Amino acid sequence: MKQTGNVALQVTLLYLFWFASCALAFLNFVVALNALRYLAIVAGADQWTLPAVHRFSILGLAVILVIFFFWSEAIYRKASKVGIGRLLSAFGWVTGGQIMLVVVGYLLPRLG
């Protein structure tokens, strides 16, 4: 009976962490879109190429977003089978990487 409670906790934490990572991924999407727009302007995009860059950036980032959803769920599921400590460690690494991307994407247009 004790093992069942532990498994339920692991599954609950798995999906709570996954939903948090997915929510943060949408923030990554918005910040990366602005950073890519800035890089296109710095590279010399004019009024005609900028909309195309924007649309293809949305498409590329959407594909990356879907891949991230599946990848993060697989990472969390694999880590939860080992234990809660491993799940927390995986969540820390994934979330740390996401926060790093937000910071870099946010600062990039402001430093230039």
PDB file of N, CA and C in Angstrom:
ATOM      1  N   MET A   1       0.817  -1.192   0.000  1.00  0.00           N
ATOM      2  CA  MET A   1       0.000   0.000   0.000  1.00  0.00           C
ATOM      3  C   MET A   1       0.868   1.266   0.000  1.00  0.00           C
ATOM      4  N   LYS A   2       1.973   1.227   0.736  1.00  0.00           N
ATOM      5  CA  LYS A   2       2.861   2.381   0.798  1.00  0.00           C
ATOM      6  C   LYS A   2       3.469   2.674  -0.573  1.00  0.00           C
ATOM      7  N   GLN A   3       3.807   1.639  -1.314  1.00  0.00           N
ATOM      8  CA  GLN A   3       4.389   1.800  -2.645  1.00  0.00           C
ATOM      9  C   GLN A   3       3.408   2.492  -3.587  1.00  0.00           C
ATOM     10  N   THR A   4       2.129   2.197  -3.491  1.00  0.00           N
ATOM     11  CA  THR A   4       1.130   2.813  -4.355  1.00  0.00           C
ATOM     12  C   THR A   4       1.047   4.316  -4.107  1.00  0.00           C
ATOM     13  N   GLY A   5       1.107   4.731  -2.863  1.00  0.00           N
ATOM     14  CA  GLY A   5       1.087   6.151  -2.545  1.00  0.00           C
ATOM     15  C   GLY A   5       2.294   6.870  -3.107  1.00  0.00           C
ATOM     16  N   ASN A   6       3.455   6.236  -3.058  1.00  0.00           N
ATOM     17  CA  ASN A   6       4.672   6.821  -3.592  1.00  0.00           C
ATOM     18  C   ASN A   6       4.585   6.971  -5.113  1.00  0.00           C
ATOM     19  N   VAL A   7       4.022   5.981  -5.771  1.00  0.00           N
ATOM     20  CA  VAL A   7       3.871   6.034  -7.224  1.00  0.00           C
ATOM     21  C   VAL A   7       2.898   7.145  -7.603  1.00  0.00           C
ATOM     22  N   ALA A   8       1.813   7.266  -6.839  1.00  0.00           N
ATOM     23  CA  ALA A   8       0.849   8.332  -7.123  1.00  0.00           C
ATOM     24  C   ALA A   8       1.492   9.705  -6.948  1.00  0.00           C
ATOM     25  N   LEU A   9       2.326   9.855  -5.942  1.00  0.00           N
ATOM     26  CA  LEU A   9       3.034  11.118  -5.735  1.00  0.00           C
ATOM     27  C   LEU A   9       3.990  11.395  -6.886  1.00  0.00           C
ATOM     28  N   GLN A  10       4.701  10.373  -7.327  1.00  0.00           N
ATOM     29  CA  GLN A  10       5.639  10.553  -8.428  1.00  0.00           C
ATOM     30  C   GLN A  10       4.921  10.960  -9.715  1.00  0.00           C
ATOM     31  N   VAL A  11       3.788  10.326  -9.995  1.00  0.00           N
ATOM     32  CA  VAL A  11       3.038  10.661 -11.214  1.00  0.00           C
ATOM     33  C   VAL A  11       2.460  12.068 -11.108  1.00  0.00           C
ATOM     34  N   THR A  12       1.969  12.427  -9.932  1.00  0.00           N
ATOM     35  CA  THR A  12       1.429  13.770  -9.736  1.00  0.00           C
ATOM     36  C   THR A  12       2.516  14.818  -9.917  1.00  0.00           C
ATOM     37  N   LEU A  13       3.670  14.596  -9.309  1.00  0.00           N
ATOM     38  CA  LEU A  13       4.783  15.531  -9.473  1.00  0.00           C
ATOM     39  C   LEU A  13       5.258  15.588 -10.916  1.00  0.00           C
ATOM     40  N   LEU A  14       5.291  14.445 -11.577  1.00  0.00           N
ATOM     41  CA  LEU A  14       5.720  14.385 -12.975  1.00  0.00           C
ATOM     42  C   LEU A  14       4.889  15.342 -13.812  1.00  0.00           C
ATOM     43  N   TYR A  15       3.562  15.257 -13.686  1.00  0.00           N
ATOM     44  CA  TYR A  15       2.717  16.098 -14.529  1.00  0.00           C
ATOM     45  C   TYR A  15       2.649  17.545 -14.054  1.00  0.00           C
ATOM     46  N   LEU A  16       2.798  17.796 -12.771  1.00  0.00           N
ATOM     47  CA  LEU A  16       2.894  19.183 -12.312  1.00  0.00           C
ATOM     48  C   LEU A  16       4.154  19.850 -12.863  1.00  0.00           C
ATOM     49  N   PHE A  17       5.267  19.134 -12.795  1.00  0.00           N
ATOM     50  CA  PHE A  17       6.517  19.661 -13.343  1.00  0.00           C
ATOM     51  C   PHE A  17       6.423  19.836 -14.849  1.00  0.00           C
ATOM     52  N   TRP A  18       5.773  18.882 -15.519  1.00  0.00           N
ATOM     53  CA  TRP A  18       5.645  18.949 -16.972  1.00  0.00           C
ATOM     54  C   TRP A  18       4.790  20.149 -17.382  1.00  0.00           C
ATOM     55  N   PHE A  19       3.674  20.371 -16.688  1.00  0.00           N
ATOM     56  CA  PHE A  19       2.828  21.529 -16.997  1.00  0.00           C
ATOM     57  C   PHE A  19       3.585  22.832 -16.745  1.00  0.00           C
ATOM     58  N   ALA A  20       4.365  22.890 -15.678  1.00  0.00           N
ATOM     59  CA  ALA A  20       5.164  24.084 -15.397  1.00  0.00           C
ATOM     60  C   ALA A  20       6.192  24.311 -16.502  1.00  0.00           C
ATOM     61  N   SER A  21       6.826  23.246 -16.965  1.00  0.00           N
ATOM     62  CA  SER A  21       7.812  23.373 -18.040  1.00  0.00           C
ATOM     63  C   SER A  21       7.149  23.802 -19.344  1.00  0.00           C
ATOM     64  N   CYS A  22       5.957  23.286 -19.611  1.00  0.00           N
ATOM     65  CA  CYS A  22       5.236  23.679 -20.826  1.00  0.00           C
ATOM     66  C   CYS A  22       4.834  25.149 -20.766  1.00  0.00           C
ATOM     67  N   ALA A  23       4.396  25.616 -19.598  1.00  0.00           N
ATOM     68  CA  ALA A  23       4.038  27.026 -19.452  1.00  0.00           C
ATOM     69  C   ALA A  23       5.262  27.917 -19.650  1.00  0.00           C
ATOM     70  N   LEU A  24       6.372  27.513 -19.090  1.00  0.00           N
ATOM     71  CA  LEU A  24       7.605  28.274 -19.262  1.00  0.00           C
ATOM     72  C   LEU A  24       8.088  28.224 -20.710  1.00  0.00           C
ATOM     73  N   ALA A  25       7.779  27.137 -21.409  1.00  0.00           N
ATOM     74  CA  ALA A  25       8.161  27.019 -22.819  1.00  0.00           C
ATOM     75  C   ALA A  25       7.434  28.050 -23.673  1.00  0.00           C
ATOM     76  N   PHE A  26       6.190  28.382 -23.319  1.00  0.00           N
ATOM     77  CA  PHE A  26       5.492  29.425 -24.061  1.00  0.00           C
ATOM     78  C   PHE A  26       6.158  30.793 -23.851  1.00  0.00           C
ATOM     79  N   LEU A  27       6.648  31.031 -22.654  1.00  0.00           N
ATOM     80  CA  LEU A  27       7.403  32.257 -22.407  1.00  0.00           C
ATOM     81  C   LEU A  27       8.690  32.248 -23.230  1.00  0.00           C
ATOM     82  N   ASN A  28       9.347  31.088 -23.298  1.00  0.00           N
ATOM     83  CA  ASN A  28      10.533  30.950 -24.147  1.00  0.00           C
ATOM     84  C   ASN A  28      10.196  31.276 -25.602  1.00  0.00           C
ATOM     85  N   PHE A  29       9.042  30.833 -26.050  1.00  0.00           N
ATOM     86  CA  PHE A  29       8.599  31.071 -27.426  1.00  0.00           C
ATOM     87  C   PHE A  29       8.500  32.566 -27.710  1.00  0.00           C
ATOM     88  N   VAL A  30       7.842  33.292 -26.831  1.00  0.00           N
ATOM     89  CA  VAL A  30       7.632  34.730 -27.028  1.00  0.00           C
ATOM     90  C   VAL A  30       8.960  35.480 -26.979  1.00  0.00           C
ATOM     91  N   VAL A  31       9.785  35.156 -26.017  1.00  0.00           N
ATOM     92  CA  VAL A  31      11.072  35.845 -25.878  1.00  0.00           C
ATOM     93  C   VAL A  31      11.980  35.523 -27.071  1.00  0.00           C
ATOM     94  N   ALA A  32      11.996  34.269 -27.497  1.00  0.00           N
ATOM     95  CA  ALA A  32      12.832  33.885 -28.641  1.00  0.00           C
ATOM     96  C   ALA A  32      12.340  34.552 -29.919  1.00  0.00           C
ATOM     97  N   LEU A  33      11.038  34.705 -30.064  1.00  0.00           N
ATOM     98  CA  LEU A  33      10.492  35.372 -31.253  1.00  0.00           C
ATOM     99  C   LEU A  33      10.950  36.826 -31.308  1.00  0.00           C
ATOM    100  N   ASN A  34      10.922  37.509 -30.192  1.00  0.00           N
ATOM    101  CA  ASN A  34      11.406  38.898 -30.151  1.00  0.00           C
ATOM    102  C   ASN A  34      12.909  38.971 -30.407  1.00  0.00           C
ATOM    103  N   ALA A  35      13.662  38.022 -29.849  1.00  0.00           N
ATOM    104  CA  ALA A  35      15.113  38.016 -30.057  1.00  0.00           C
ATOM    105  C   ALA A  35      15.452  37.737 -31.524  1.00  0.00           C
ATOM    106  N   LEU A  36      14.717  36.832 -32.156  1.00  0.00           N
ATOM    107  CA  LEU A  36      14.970  36.545 -33.570  1.00  0.00           C
ATOM    108  C   LEU A  36      14.604  37.738 -34.449  1.00  0.00           C
ATOM    109  N   ARG A  37      13.555  38.439 -34.087  1.00  0.00           N
ATOM    110  CA  ARG A  37      13.192  39.655 -34.825  1.00  0.00           C
ATOM    111  C   ARG A  37      14.312  40.707 -34.709  1.00  0.00           C
ATOM    112  N   TYR A  38      14.847  40.857 -33.507  1.00  0.00           N
ATOM    113  CA  TYR A  38      15.949  41.797 -33.304  1.00  0.00           C
ATOM    114  C   TYR A  38      17.165  41.387 -34.141  1.00  0.00           C
ATOM    115  N   LEU A  39      17.497  40.104 -34.131  1.00  0.00           N
ATOM    116  CA  LEU A  39      18.652  39.638 -34.910  1.00  0.00           C
ATOM    117  C   LEU A  39      18.444  39.845 -36.403  1.00  0.00           C
ATOM    118  N   ALA A  40      17.204  39.693 -36.872  1.00  0.00           N
ATOM    119  CA  ALA A  40      16.923  39.933 -38.290  1.00  0.00           C
ATOM    120  C   ALA A  40      17.106  41.405 -38.633  1.00  0.00           C
ATOM    121  N   ILE A  41      16.686  42.281 -37.739  1.00  0.00           N
ATOM    122  CA  ILE A  41      16.857  43.716 -37.984  1.00  0.00           C
ATOM    123  C   ILE A  41      18.341  44.076 -37.982  1.00  0.00           C
ATOM    124  N   VAL A  42      19.091  43.509 -37.046  1.00  0.00           N
ATOM    125  CA  VAL A  42      20.538  43.765 -36.993  1.00  0.00           C
ATOM    126  C   VAL A  42      21.225  43.237 -38.248  1.00  0.00           C
ATOM    127  N   ALA A  43      20.730  42.110 -38.773  1.00  0.00           N
ATOM    128  CA  ALA A  43      21.330  41.526 -39.969  1.00  0.00           C
ATOM    129  C   ALA A  43      20.955  42.284 -41.240  1.00  0.00           C
ATOM    130  N   GLY A  44      20.041  43.249 -41.122  1.00  0.00           N
ATOM    131  CA  GLY A  44      19.727  44.078 -42.285  1.00  0.00           C
ATOM    132  C   GLY A  44      18.402  43.761 -42.946  1.00  0.00           C
ATOM    133  N   ALA A  45      17.498  43.113 -42.254  1.00  0.00           N
ATOM    134  CA  ALA A  45      16.185  42.819 -42.837  1.00  0.00           C
ATOM    135  C   ALA A  45      15.424  44.123 -43.054  1.00  0.00           C
ATOM    136  N   ASP A  46      14.804  44.233 -44.211  1.00  0.00           N
ATOM    137  CA  ASP A  46      14.045  45.443 -44.509  1.00  0.00           C
ATOM    138  C   ASP A  46      12.555  45.183 -44.317  1.00  0.00           C
ATOM    139  N   GLN A  47      11.744  46.132 -44.762  1.00  0.00           N
ATOM    140  CA  GLN A  47      10.305  46.021 -44.545  1.00  0.00           C
ATOM    141  C   GLN A  47       9.672  44.859 -45.305  1.00  0.00           C
ATOM    142  N   TRP A  48      10.356  44.336 -46.305  1.00  0.00           N
ATOM    143  CA  TRP A  48       9.800  43.235 -47.087  1.00  0.00           C
ATOM    144  C   TRP A  48      10.214  41.871 -46.551  1.00  0.00           C
ATOM    145  N   THR A  49      11.424  41.777 -46.042  1.00  0.00           N
ATOM    146  CA  THR A  49      11.897  40.473 -45.557  1.00  0.00           C
ATOM    147  C   THR A  49      11.536  40.230 -44.093  1.00  0.00           C
ATOM    148  N   LEU A  50      11.312  41.290 -43.353  1.00  0.00           N
ATOM    149  CA  LEU A  50      11.004  41.126 -41.924  1.00  0.00           C
ATOM    150  C   LEU A  50       9.723  40.317 -41.674  1.00  0.00           C
ATOM    151  N   PRO A  51       8.631  40.543 -42.412  1.00  0.00           N
ATOM    152  CA  PRO A  51       7.449  39.688 -42.194  1.00  0.00           C
ATOM    153  C   PRO A  51       7.701  38.215 -42.513  1.00  0.00           C
ATOM    154  N   ALA A  52       8.509  37.941 -43.524  1.00  0.00           N
ATOM    155  CA  ALA A  52       8.823  36.553 -43.857  1.00  0.00           C
ATOM    156  C   ALA A  52       9.662  35.903 -42.762  1.00  0.00           C
ATOM    157  N   VAL A  53      10.637  36.653 -42.253  1.00  0.00           N
ATOM    158  CA  VAL A  53      11.460  36.146 -41.153  1.00  0.00           C
ATOM    159  C   VAL A  53      10.583  35.865 -39.938  1.00  0.00           C
ATOM    160  N   HIS A  54       9.654  36.766 -39.675  1.00  0.00           N
ATOM    161  CA  HIS A  54       8.754  36.601 -38.526  1.00  0.00           C
ATOM    162  C   HIS A  54       7.894  35.340 -38.678  1.00  0.00           C
ATOM    163  N   ARG A  55       7.328  35.142 -39.856  1.00  0.00           N
ATOM    164  CA  ARG A  55       6.462  33.970 -40.072  1.00  0.00           C
ATOM    165  C   ARG A  55       7.242  32.662 -40.002  1.00  0.00           C
ATOM    166  N   PHE A  56       8.421  32.629 -40.610  1.00  0.00           N
ATOM    167  CA  PHE A  56       9.214  31.406 -40.548  1.00  0.00           C
ATOM    168  C   PHE A  56       9.765  31.159 -39.148  1.00  0.00           C
ATOM    169  N   SER A  57      10.009  32.228 -38.402  1.00  0.00           N
ATOM    170  CA  SER A  57      10.427  32.063 -37.003  1.00  0.00           C
ATOM    171  C   SER A  57       9.307  31.447 -36.184  1.00  0.00           C
ATOM    172  N   ILE A  58       8.082  31.889 -36.405  1.00  0.00           N
ATOM    173  CA  ILE A  58       6.943  31.306 -35.699  1.00  0.00           C
ATOM    174  C   ILE A  58       6.825  29.824 -36.027  1.00  0.00           C
ATOM    175  N   LEU A  59       6.954  29.490 -37.296  1.00  0.00           N
ATOM    176  CA  LEU A  59       6.856  28.086 -37.705  1.00  0.00           C
ATOM    177  C   LEU A  59       7.962  27.247 -37.068  1.00  0.00           C
ATOM    178  N   GLY A  60       9.190  27.713 -37.146  1.00  0.00           N
ATOM    179  CA  GLY A  60      10.309  26.964 -36.579  1.00  0.00           C
ATOM    180  C   GLY A  60      10.216  26.827 -35.069  1.00  0.00           C
ATOM    181  N   LEU A  61       9.841  27.904 -34.397  1.00  0.00           N
ATOM    182  CA  LEU A  61       9.720  27.849 -32.941  1.00  0.00           C
ATOM    183  C   LEU A  61       8.541  26.965 -32.512  1.00  0.00           C
ATOM    184  N   ALA A  62       7.479  26.939 -33.303  1.00  0.00           N
ATOM    185  CA  ALA A  62       6.348  26.068 -32.974  1.00  0.00           C
ATOM    186  C   ALA A  62       6.750  24.589 -33.070  1.00  0.00           C
ATOM    187  N   VAL A  63       7.539  24.264 -34.066  1.00  0.00           N
ATOM    188  CA  VAL A  63       8.034  22.886 -34.192  1.00  0.00           C
ATOM    189  C   VAL A  63       8.928  22.534 -33.008  1.00  0.00           C
ATOM    190  N   ILE A  64       9.807  23.446 -32.649  1.00  0.00           N
ATOM    191  CA  ILE A  64      10.685  23.224 -31.495  1.00  0.00           C
ATOM    192  C   ILE A  64       9.868  23.094 -30.222  1.00  0.00           C
ATOM    193  N   LEU A  65       8.801  23.872 -30.097  1.00  0.00           N
ATOM    194  CA  LEU A  65       7.936  23.821 -28.923  1.00  0.00           C
ATOM    195  C   LEU A  65       7.274  22.448 -28.786  1.00  0.00           C
ATOM    196  N   VAL A  66       6.753  21.910 -29.871  1.00  0.00           N
ATOM    197  CA  VAL A  66       6.113  20.594 -29.833  1.00  0.00           C
ATOM    198  C   VAL A  66       7.134  19.508 -29.500  1.00  0.00           C
ATOM    199  N   ILE A  67       8.319  19.595 -30.085  1.00  0.00           N
ATOM    200  CA  ILE A  67       9.374  18.630 -29.764  1.00  0.00           C
ATOM    201  C   ILE A  67       9.730  18.719 -28.285  1.00  0.00           C
ATOM    202  N   PHE A  68       9.816  19.941 -27.752  1.00  0.00           N
ATOM    203  CA  PHE A  68      10.122  20.112 -26.337  1.00  0.00           C
ATOM    204  C   PHE A  68       9.055  19.486 -25.453  1.00  0.00           C
ATOM    205  N   PHE A  69       7.782  19.626 -25.829  1.00  0.00           N
ATOM    206  CA  PHE A  69       6.705  19.039 -25.027  1.00  0.00           C
ATOM    207  C   PHE A  69       6.893  17.528 -24.881  1.00  0.00           C
ATOM    208  N   PHE A  70       7.160  16.857 -25.996  1.00  0.00           N
ATOM    209  CA  PHE A  70       7.343  15.408 -25.948  1.00  0.00           C
ATOM    210  C   PHE A  70       8.638  15.029 -25.235  1.00  0.00           C
ATOM    211  N   TRP A  71       9.705  15.759 -25.493  1.00  0.00           N
ATOM    212  CA  TRP A  71      11.004  15.456 -24.883  1.00  0.00           C
ATOM    213  C   TRP A  71      10.955  15.624 -23.371  1.00  0.00           C
ATOM    214  N   SER A  72      10.389  16.724 -22.907  1.00  0.00           N
ATOM    215  CA  SER A  72      10.363  16.969 -21.461  1.00  0.00           C
ATOM    216  C   SER A  72       9.495  15.942 -20.742  1.00  0.00           C
ATOM    217  N   GLU A  73       8.386  15.555 -21.355  1.00  0.00           N
ATOM    218  CA  GLU A  73       7.542  14.527 -20.731  1.00  0.00           C
ATOM    219  C   GLU A  73       8.287  13.202 -20.637  1.00  0.00           C
ATOM    220  N   ALA A  74       9.042  12.867 -21.672  1.00  0.00           N
ATOM    221  CA  ALA A  74       9.814  11.623 -21.659  1.00  0.00           C
ATOM    222  C   ALA A  74      10.923  11.677 -20.607  1.00  0.00           C
ATOM    223  N   ILE A  75      11.596  12.817 -20.492  1.00  0.00           N
ATOM    224  CA  ILE A  75      12.650  12.973 -19.485  1.00  0.00           C
ATOM    225  C   ILE A  75      12.075  12.838 -18.084  1.00  0.00           C
ATOM    226  N   TYR A  76      10.956  13.506 -17.830  1.00  0.00           N
ATOM    227  CA  TYR A  76      10.343  13.453 -16.503  1.00  0.00           C
ATOM    228  C   TYR A  76       9.813  12.059 -16.193  1.00  0.00           C
ATOM    229  N   ARG A  77       9.254  11.387 -17.189  1.00  0.00           N
ATOM    230  CA  ARG A  77       8.745  10.027 -16.965  1.00  0.00           C
ATOM    231  C   ARG A  77       9.891   9.075 -16.632  1.00  0.00           C
ATOM    232  N   LYS A  78      10.982   9.193 -17.368  1.00  0.00           N
ATOM    233  CA  LYS A  78      12.149   8.336 -17.110  1.00  0.00           C
ATOM    234  C   LYS A  78      12.722   8.620 -15.729  1.00  0.00           C
ATOM    235  N   ALA A  79      12.812   9.891 -15.354  1.00  0.00           N
ATOM    236  CA  ALA A  79      13.367  10.257 -14.051  1.00  0.00           C
ATOM    237  C   ALA A  79      12.450   9.823 -12.910  1.00  0.00           C
ATOM    238  N   SER A  80      11.138   9.873 -13.127  1.00  0.00           N
ATOM    239  CA  SER A  80      10.211   9.497 -12.056  1.00  0.00           C
ATOM    240  C   SER A  80      10.257   8.002 -11.762  1.00  0.00           C
ATOM    241  N   LYS A  81      10.664   7.211 -12.738  1.00  0.00           N
ATOM    242  CA  LYS A  81      10.788   5.767 -12.509  1.00  0.00           C
ATOM    243  C   LYS A  81      11.957   5.457 -11.577  1.00  0.00           C
ATOM    244  N   VAL A  82      12.962   6.333 -11.557  1.00  0.00           N
ATOM    245  CA  VAL A  82      14.107   6.142 -10.670  1.00  0.00           C
ATOM    246  C   VAL A  82      13.761   6.567  -9.253  1.00  0.00           C
ATOM    247  N   GLY A  83      13.122   7.729  -9.127  1.00  0.00           N
ATOM    248  CA  GLY A  83      12.748   8.211  -7.801  1.00  0.00           C
ATOM    249  C   GLY A  83      12.432   9.690  -7.823  1.00  0.00           C
ATOM    250  N   ILE A  84      11.915  10.168  -6.716  1.00  0.00           N
ATOM    251  CA  ILE A  84      11.521  11.571  -6.628  1.00  0.00           C
ATOM    252  C   ILE A  84      12.749  12.490  -6.688  1.00  0.00           C
ATOM    253  N   GLY A  85      13.842  12.068  -6.084  1.00  0.00           N
ATOM    254  CA  GLY A  85      15.059  12.880  -6.128  1.00  0.00           C
ATOM    255  C   GLY A  85      15.551  13.087  -7.548  1.00  0.00           C
ATOM    256  N   ARG A  86      15.517  12.045  -8.332  1.00  0.00           N
ATOM    257  CA  ARG A  86      15.943  12.133  -9.736  1.00  0.00           C
ATOM    258  C   ARG A  86      14.971  13.021 -10.533  1.00  0.00           C
ATOM    259  N   LEU A  87      13.684  12.936 -10.203  1.00  0.00           N
ATOM    260  CA  LEU A  87      12.687  13.774 -10.870  1.00  0.00           C
ATOM    261  C   LEU A  87      12.922  15.252 -10.555  1.00  0.00           C
ATOM    262  N   LEU A  88      13.213  15.547  -9.302  1.00  0.00           N
ATOM    263  CA  LEU A  88      13.517  16.922  -8.918  1.00  0.00           C
ATOM    264  C   LEU A  88      14.775  17.429  -9.617  1.00  0.00           C
ATOM    265  N   SER A  89      15.765  16.576  -9.739  1.00  0.00           N
ATOM    266  CA  SER A  89      16.999  16.942 -10.424  1.00  0.00           C
ATOM    267  C   SER A  89      16.733  17.231 -11.908  1.00  0.00           C
ATOM    268  N   ALA A  90      15.950  16.383 -12.547  1.00  0.00           N
ATOM    269  CA  ALA A  90      15.621  16.592 -13.966  1.00  0.00           C
ATOM    270  C   ALA A  90      14.842  17.884 -14.149  1.00  0.00           C
ATOM    271  N   PHE A  91      13.899  18.142 -13.263  1.00  0.00           N
ATOM    272  CA  PHE A  91      13.121  19.377 -13.334  1.00  0.00           C
ATOM    273  C   PHE A  91      14.026  20.591 -13.149  1.00  0.00           C
ATOM    274  N   GLY A  92      14.973  20.487 -12.245  1.00  0.00           N
ATOM    275  CA  GLY A  92      15.904  21.587 -12.025  1.00  0.00           C
ATOM    276  C   GLY A  92      16.740  21.886 -13.252  1.00  0.00           C
ATOM    277  N   TRP A  93      17.239  20.853 -13.903  1.00  0.00           N
ATOM    278  CA  TRP A  93      18.063  21.052 -15.092  1.00  0.00           C
ATOM    279  C   TRP A  93      17.247  21.627 -16.249  1.00  0.00           C
ATOM    280  N   VAL A  94      16.062  21.080 -16.477  1.00  0.00           N
ATOM    281  CA  VAL A  94      15.231  21.564 -17.587  1.00  0.00           C
ATOM    282  C   VAL A  94      14.791  23.008 -17.329  1.00  0.00           C
ATOM    283  N   THR A  95      14.330  23.285 -16.123  1.00  0.00           N
ATOM    284  CA  THR A  95      13.871  24.630 -15.789  1.00  0.00           C
ATOM    285  C   THR A  95      15.026  25.628 -15.804  1.00  0.00           C
ATOM    286  N   GLY A  96      16.184  25.220 -15.328  1.00  0.00           N
ATOM    287  CA  GLY A  96      17.352  26.090 -15.374  1.00  0.00           C
ATOM    288  C   GLY A  96      17.724  26.458 -16.803  1.00  0.00           C
ATOM    289  N   GLY A  97      17.665  25.491 -17.689  1.00  0.00           N
ATOM    290  CA  GLY A  97      17.938  25.772 -19.101  1.00  0.00           C
ATOM    291  C   GLY A  97      16.919  26.715 -19.704  1.00  0.00           C
ATOM    292  N   GLN A  98      15.667  26.527 -19.335  1.00  0.00           N
ATOM    293  CA  GLN A  98      14.623  27.408 -19.847  1.00  0.00           C
ATOM    294  C   GLN A  98      14.790  28.835 -19.323  1.00  0.00           C
ATOM    295  N   ILE A  99      15.110  28.970 -18.065  1.00  0.00           N
ATOM    296  CA  ILE A  99      15.303  30.305 -17.496  1.00  0.00           C
ATOM    297  C   ILE A  99      16.513  30.984 -18.131  1.00  0.00           C
ATOM    298  N   MET A 100      17.549  30.213 -18.400  1.00  0.00           N
ATOM    299  CA  MET A 100      18.720  30.763 -19.076  1.00  0.00           C
ATOM    300  C   MET A 100      18.336  31.284 -20.468  1.00  0.00           C
ATOM    301  N   LEU A 101      17.510  30.544 -21.193  1.00  0.00           N
ATOM    302  CA  LEU A 101      17.068  30.994 -22.513  1.00  0.00           C
ATOM    303  C   LEU A 101      16.231  32.263 -22.422  1.00  0.00           C
ATOM    304  N   VAL A 102      15.395  32.358 -21.409  1.00  0.00           N
ATOM    305  CA  VAL A 102      14.584  33.568 -21.230  1.00  0.00           C
ATOM    306  C   VAL A 102      15.492  34.767 -20.961  1.00  0.00           C
ATOM    307  N   VAL A 103      16.452  34.588 -20.089  1.00  0.00           N
ATOM    308  CA  VAL A 103      17.355  35.702 -19.752  1.00  0.00           C
ATOM    309  C   VAL A 103      18.164  36.137 -20.970  1.00  0.00           C
ATOM    310  N   VAL A 104      18.726  35.195 -21.710  1.00  0.00           N
ATOM    311  CA  VAL A 104      19.521  35.540 -22.887  1.00  0.00           C
ATOM    312  C   VAL A 104      18.635  36.191 -23.950  1.00  0.00           C
ATOM    313  N   GLY A 105      17.456  35.627 -24.187  1.00  0.00           N
ATOM    314  CA  GLY A 105      16.561  36.191 -25.182  1.00  0.00           C
ATOM    315  C   GLY A 105      16.041  37.561 -24.798  1.00  0.00           C
ATOM    316  N   TYR A 106      15.888  37.815 -23.519  1.00  0.00           N
ATOM    317  CA  TYR A 106      15.428  39.112 -23.051  1.00  0.00           C
ATOM    318  C   TYR A 106      16.540  40.161 -23.116  1.00  0.00           C
ATOM    319  N   LEU A 107      17.739  39.765 -22.737  1.00  0.00           N
ATOM    320  CA  LEU A 107      18.847  40.717 -22.706  1.00  0.00           C
ATOM    321  C   LEU A 107      19.445  41.010 -24.086  1.00  0.00           C
ATOM    322  N   LEU A 108      19.350  40.085 -25.004  1.00  0.00           N
ATOM    323  CA  LEU A 108      19.967  40.257 -26.313  1.00  0.00           C
ATOM    324  C   LEU A 108      19.534  41.543 -27.010  1.00  0.00           C
ATOM    325  N   PRO A 109      18.241  41.841 -27.146  1.00  0.00           N
ATOM    326  CA  PRO A 109      17.865  43.115 -27.794  1.00  0.00           C
ATOM    327  C   PRO A 109      18.244  44.349 -26.984  1.00  0.00           C
ATOM    328  N   ARG A 110      18.349  44.218 -25.689  1.00  0.00           N
ATOM    329  CA  ARG A 110      18.630  45.377 -24.845  1.00  0.00           C
ATOM    330  C   ARG A 110      20.124  45.712 -24.753  1.00  0.00           C
ATOM    331  N   LEU A 111      20.971  44.757 -25.059  1.00  0.00           N
ATOM    332  CA  LEU A 111      22.412  45.009 -24.996  1.00  0.00           C
ATOM    333  C   LEU A 111      22.942  45.634 -26.274  1.00  0.00           C
ATOM    334  N   GLY A 112      22.221  45.457 -27.366  1.00  0.00           N
ATOM    335  CA  GLY A 112      22.712  45.937 -28.653  1.00  0.00           C
ATOM    336  C   GLY A 112      22.397  47.293 -28.976  1.00  0.00           C
TER     337      GLY A 112
END
